[in-house]
Protein backbone atom coordinates (compact mmCIF):
# COMPACT_ATOMS: atom_id res chain seq x y z
CA UNK A 1 16.75 21.36 26.89
CA UNK A 2 14.42 23.26 24.33
CA UNK A 3 12.19 21.26 22.00
CA UNK A 4 11.11 22.73 18.82
CA UNK A 5 7.87 21.60 17.19
CA UNK A 6 7.49 21.30 13.32
CA UNK A 7 4.29 20.74 11.52
CA UNK A 8 4.37 18.24 9.00
CA UNK A 9 1.45 17.76 6.35
CA UNK A 10 0.71 15.28 3.67
CA UNK A 11 -1.77 14.01 1.52
CA UNK A 12 -2.67 10.86 -0.17
CA UNK A 13 -2.90 12.90 -3.49
CA UNK A 14 0.92 13.83 -3.18
CA UNK A 15 1.78 10.11 -3.04
CA UNK A 16 0.21 8.99 -6.18
CA UNK A 17 1.31 9.43 -9.75
CA UNK A 18 -0.04 12.63 -11.46
CA UNK A 19 -2.73 11.48 -14.04
CA UNK A 20 -1.94 14.11 -16.49
CA UNK A 21 1.76 12.71 -16.84
CA UNK A 22 0.56 8.94 -16.92
CA UNK A 23 -1.95 10.06 -19.81
CA UNK A 24 0.66 12.24 -21.38
CA UNK A 25 2.84 9.40 -22.06
CA UNK A 26 0.17 7.41 -23.68
CA UNK A 27 0.65 9.60 -27.04
CA UNK A 28 3.27 9.71 -29.22
CA UNK A 29 3.99 12.65 -31.77
CA UNK A 30 2.97 11.89 -35.47
CA UNK A 31 0.36 9.22 -34.53
CA UNK A 32 -3.33 9.42 -35.14
CA UNK A 33 -5.67 9.05 -32.53
CA UNK A 34 -9.82 9.26 -32.63
CA UNK A 35 -10.96 12.24 -30.53
CA UNK A 36 -14.22 14.18 -29.45
CA UNK A 37 -14.42 17.77 -29.54
CA UNK A 38 -15.35 19.04 -26.24
CA UNK A 39 -15.01 22.80 -27.18
CA UNK A 40 -13.77 25.59 -29.08
CA UNK A 41 -11.39 28.98 -28.44
CA UNK A 42 -9.77 31.42 -30.49
CA UNK A 43 -7.02 29.29 -30.66
CA UNK A 44 -8.89 26.48 -32.26
CA UNK A 45 -10.67 23.38 -30.87
CA UNK A 46 -10.13 21.16 -27.69
CA UNK A 47 -10.75 17.50 -28.22
CA UNK A 48 -10.76 14.57 -25.92
CA UNK A 49 -8.14 12.14 -27.10
CA UNK A 50 -9.00 8.32 -26.82
CA UNK A 51 -11.49 6.91 -24.12
CA UNK A 52 -11.75 10.12 -22.12
CA UNK A 53 -8.13 10.13 -21.06
CA UNK A 54 -6.65 13.59 -22.24
CA UNK A 55 -7.58 16.82 -23.83
CA UNK A 56 -5.22 18.45 -26.30
CA UNK A 57 -5.45 21.72 -28.34
CA UNK A 58 -6.25 21.21 -32.43
CA UNK A 59 -5.15 24.12 -34.67
CA UNK A 60 -8.37 25.42 -36.21
CA UNK A 61 -7.45 24.03 -39.89
CA UNK A 62 -11.17 23.21 -40.86
CA UNK A 63 -13.05 25.48 -43.07
CA UNK A 64 -16.34 24.32 -41.35
CA UNK A 65 -17.45 25.07 -37.51
CA UNK A 66 -17.62 21.87 -35.55
CA UNK A 67 -20.02 21.21 -32.88
CA UNK A 68 -19.45 19.61 -29.61
CA UNK A 69 -19.61 16.06 -29.83
CA UNK A 70 -18.03 15.66 -33.18
CA UNK A 71 -15.74 12.71 -33.54
CA UNK A 72 -12.58 13.39 -35.46
CA UNK A 73 -9.26 11.90 -36.21
CA UNK A 74 -6.42 14.17 -35.20
CA UNK A 75 -2.82 13.74 -35.41
CA UNK A 76 -0.55 14.51 -32.61
CA UNK A 77 2.07 17.28 -33.57
CA UNK A 78 3.61 18.46 -30.37
CA UNK A 79 4.16 17.70 -26.78
CA UNK A 80 5.12 19.81 -24.36
CA UNK A 81 6.62 18.48 -20.72
CA UNK A 82 5.87 21.66 -18.99
CA UNK A 83 2.21 21.14 -17.72
CA UNK A 84 1.79 17.96 -20.17
CA UNK A 85 0.02 19.83 -22.91
CA UNK A 86 -0.38 17.80 -25.96
CA UNK A 87 -0.97 19.56 -29.59
CA UNK A 88 -2.63 18.39 -32.38
CA UNK A 89 -4.25 18.78 -35.77
CA UNK A 90 -7.78 17.78 -37.10
CA UNK A 91 -6.94 15.47 -39.74
CA UNK A 92 -10.89 14.30 -40.84
CA UNK A 93 -14.33 14.65 -39.47
CA UNK A 94 -15.49 10.88 -38.88
CA UNK A 95 -19.01 11.87 -37.46
CA UNK A 96 -21.11 14.69 -36.65
CA UNK A 97 -23.15 14.61 -33.79
CA UNK A 98 -27.02 14.12 -34.14
């Protein structure tokens, strides 16, 4: 009789729900959310939605350069299931950092 040995690996992380997916479902298309600017790229601004839950990419529709930490109101324009990406548009500036 021959025995075959198989290696099995598992991790605790694999058993838990992906937080990106959980927070992705918290936001709806066409809803407005308060966000904080966390960075800038050629495509626009990165903002942190809600209370440090999820990042979104906002198209650069403002006429001025926004520093990191600026509080803005954004409108969710699109959600992409693949990669759980959220896209938004900056509606207005609420408060500039001091």
